[in-house]
């Protein structure tokens, strides 16, 4: 799964369930930061463990990116999806 798509979908689902604005904003900000990087740079940072050191990415958003890059549906997204099916 593409990390940008995963972050966008999570933000959308959080908005839909009227989660606190700061939580939605965290995923939107992380998506914006990631969009500025090349896919190679994102992969290098994940491999080096430095993704969360970027302003706008925290532990949860970084975990989503890591899982998405492995080809997985991130656990955070899996948790949100069933609520809307």
C-alpha atoms as a PDB file:
ATOM      1  CA  UNK A   1       0.000   0.000   0.000  1.00  0.00           C
ATOM      2  CA  UNK A   2       1.214   3.470  -0.797  1.00  0.00           C
ATOM      3  CA  UNK A   3       2.064   5.361   2.424  1.00  0.00           C
ATOM      4  CA  UNK A   4       0.458   8.597   1.181  1.00  0.00           C
ATOM      5  CA  UNK A   5      -2.756   6.754   0.406  1.00  0.00           C
ATOM      6  CA  UNK A   6      -2.738   5.091   3.819  1.00  0.00           C
ATOM      7  CA  UNK A   7      -2.236   8.395   5.645  1.00  0.00           C
ATOM      8  CA  UNK A   8      -4.961  10.051   3.575  1.00  0.00           C
ATOM      9  CA  UNK A   9      -7.436   7.227   4.201  1.00  0.00           C
ATOM     10  CA  UNK A  10      -6.772   7.292   7.942  1.00  0.00           C
ATOM     11  CA  UNK A  11      -7.288  11.060   8.073  1.00  0.00           C
ATOM     12  CA  UNK A  12     -10.527  10.694   6.106  1.00  0.00           C
ATOM     13  CA  UNK A  13     -11.865   7.983   8.408  1.00  0.00           C
ATOM     14  CA  UNK A  14     -10.896   9.975  11.494  1.00  0.00           C
ATOM     15  CA  UNK A  15     -12.720  13.007  10.095  1.00  0.00           C
ATOM     16  CA  UNK A  16     -15.734  10.861   9.351  1.00  0.00           C
ATOM     17  CA  UNK A  17     -15.937   9.634  12.919  1.00  0.00           C
ATOM     18  CA  UNK A  18     -15.401  13.196  14.175  1.00  0.00           C
ATOM     19  CA  UNK A  19     -12.135  12.411  15.926  1.00  0.00           C
ATOM     20  CA  UNK A  20     -10.343  15.306  17.594  1.00  0.00           C
ATOM     21  CA  UNK A  21      -8.971  17.782  15.075  1.00  0.00           C
ATOM     22  CA  UNK A  22      -5.386  17.380  16.306  1.00  0.00           C
ATOM     23  CA  UNK A  23      -5.473  13.684  15.426  1.00  0.00           C
ATOM     24  CA  UNK A  24      -6.763  14.298  11.895  1.00  0.00           C
ATOM     25  CA  UNK A  25      -4.237  17.091  11.451  1.00  0.00           C
ATOM     26  CA  UNK A  26      -1.387  14.789  12.511  1.00  0.00           C
ATOM     27  CA  UNK A  27      -2.123  12.413   9.640  1.00  0.00           C
ATOM     28  CA  UNK A  28      -2.676  15.233   7.142  1.00  0.00           C
ATOM     29  CA  UNK A  29       0.606  16.887   8.185  1.00  0.00           C
ATOM     30  CA  UNK A  30       2.492  13.614   7.926  1.00  0.00           C
ATOM     31  CA  UNK A  31       1.108  13.106   4.446  1.00  0.00           C
ATOM     32  CA  UNK A  32       2.210  16.598   3.398  1.00  0.00           C
ATOM     33  CA  UNK A  33       5.736  16.058   4.738  1.00  0.00           C
ATOM     34  CA  UNK A  34       6.029  12.699   3.009  1.00  0.00           C
ATOM     35  CA  UNK A  35       4.772  14.139  -0.281  1.00  0.00           C
ATOM     36  CA  UNK A  36       7.790  16.440  -0.320  1.00  0.00           C
ATOM     37  CA  UNK A  37      10.227  13.511  -0.175  1.00  0.00           C
ATOM     38  CA  UNK A  38      11.170  11.119  -2.925  1.00  0.00           C
ATOM     39  CA  UNK A  39      10.100   7.500  -2.408  1.00  0.00           C
ATOM     40  CA  UNK A  40      13.789   6.556  -2.158  1.00  0.00           C
ATOM     41  CA  UNK A  41      14.335   9.102   0.626  1.00  0.00           C
ATOM     42  CA  UNK A  42      11.347   7.743   2.543  1.00  0.00           C
ATOM     43  CA  UNK A  43      12.670   4.190   2.233  1.00  0.00           C
ATOM     44  CA  UNK A  44      16.162   5.289   3.329  1.00  0.00           C
ATOM     45  CA  UNK A  45      14.745   7.036   6.387  1.00  0.00           C
ATOM     46  CA  UNK A  46      12.621   4.026   7.308  1.00  0.00           C
ATOM     47  CA  UNK A  47      15.647   1.742   6.973  1.00  0.00           C
ATOM     48  CA  UNK A  48      17.773   4.104   9.068  1.00  0.00           C
ATOM     49  CA  UNK A  49      15.056   4.591  11.684  1.00  0.00           C
ATOM     50  CA  UNK A  50      15.023   8.364  11.173  1.00  0.00           C
ATOM     51  CA  UNK A  51      11.541   8.863   9.749  1.00  0.00           C
ATOM     52  CA  UNK A  52      10.057  10.041  13.056  1.00  0.00           C
ATOM     53  CA  UNK A  53      12.802  12.656  13.352  1.00  0.00           C
ATOM     54  CA  UNK A  54      11.122  14.649  10.575  1.00  0.00           C
ATOM     55  CA  UNK A  55       8.953  17.499  11.805  1.00  0.00           C
ATOM     56  CA  UNK A  56       5.373  16.396  11.211  1.00  0.00           C
ATOM     57  CA  UNK A  57       5.904  12.677  11.677  1.00  0.00           C
ATOM     58  CA  UNK A  58       5.461  11.016  15.009  1.00  0.00           C
ATOM     59  CA  UNK A  59       5.488   7.422  16.227  1.00  0.00           C
ATOM     60  CA  UNK A  60       1.987   6.535  14.970  1.00  0.00           C
ATOM     61  CA  UNK A  61       2.302   8.135  11.563  1.00  0.00           C
ATOM     62  CA  UNK A  62       5.785   6.675  11.105  1.00  0.00           C
ATOM     63  CA  UNK A  63       4.474   3.223  11.947  1.00  0.00           C
ATOM     64  CA  UNK A  64       1.765   3.603   9.310  1.00  0.00           C
ATOM     65  CA  UNK A  65       4.431   4.489   6.736  1.00  0.00           C
ATOM     66  CA  UNK A  66       6.650   1.553   7.721  1.00  0.00           C
ATOM     67  CA  UNK A  67       3.799  -0.943   7.479  1.00  0.00           C
ATOM     68  CA  UNK A  68       2.591   0.485   4.161  1.00  0.00           C
ATOM     69  CA  UNK A  69       6.088   0.251   2.677  1.00  0.00           C
ATOM     70  CA  UNK A  70       6.180  -3.435   3.629  1.00  0.00           C
ATOM     71  CA  UNK A  71       3.094  -3.894   1.482  1.00  0.00           C
ATOM     72  CA  UNK A  72       0.800  -4.287   4.475  1.00  0.00           C
ATOM     73  CA  UNK A  73      -2.420  -2.512   5.268  1.00  0.00           C
ATOM     74  CA  UNK A  74      -1.329  -0.529   8.333  1.00  0.00           C
ATOM     75  CA  UNK A  75      -2.775  -1.741  11.642  1.00  0.00           C
ATOM     76  CA  UNK A  76      -4.161   1.731  12.417  1.00  0.00           C
ATOM     77  CA  UNK A  77      -6.095   1.674   9.158  1.00  0.00           C
ATOM     78  CA  UNK A  78      -7.297  -1.889   9.727  1.00  0.00           C
ATOM     79  CA  UNK A  79      -8.643  -0.760  13.092  1.00  0.00           C
ATOM     80  CA  UNK A  80     -10.605   2.127  11.547  1.00  0.00           C
ATOM     81  CA  UNK A  81     -11.924   0.438   8.404  1.00  0.00           C
ATOM     82  CA  UNK A  82     -14.384  -2.026  10.016  1.00  0.00           C
ATOM     83  CA  UNK A  83     -16.237   0.852  11.661  1.00  0.00           C
ATOM     84  CA  UNK A  84     -17.356   2.063   8.241  1.00  0.00           C
ATOM     85  CA  UNK A  85     -18.312  -1.124   6.445  1.00  0.00           C
END
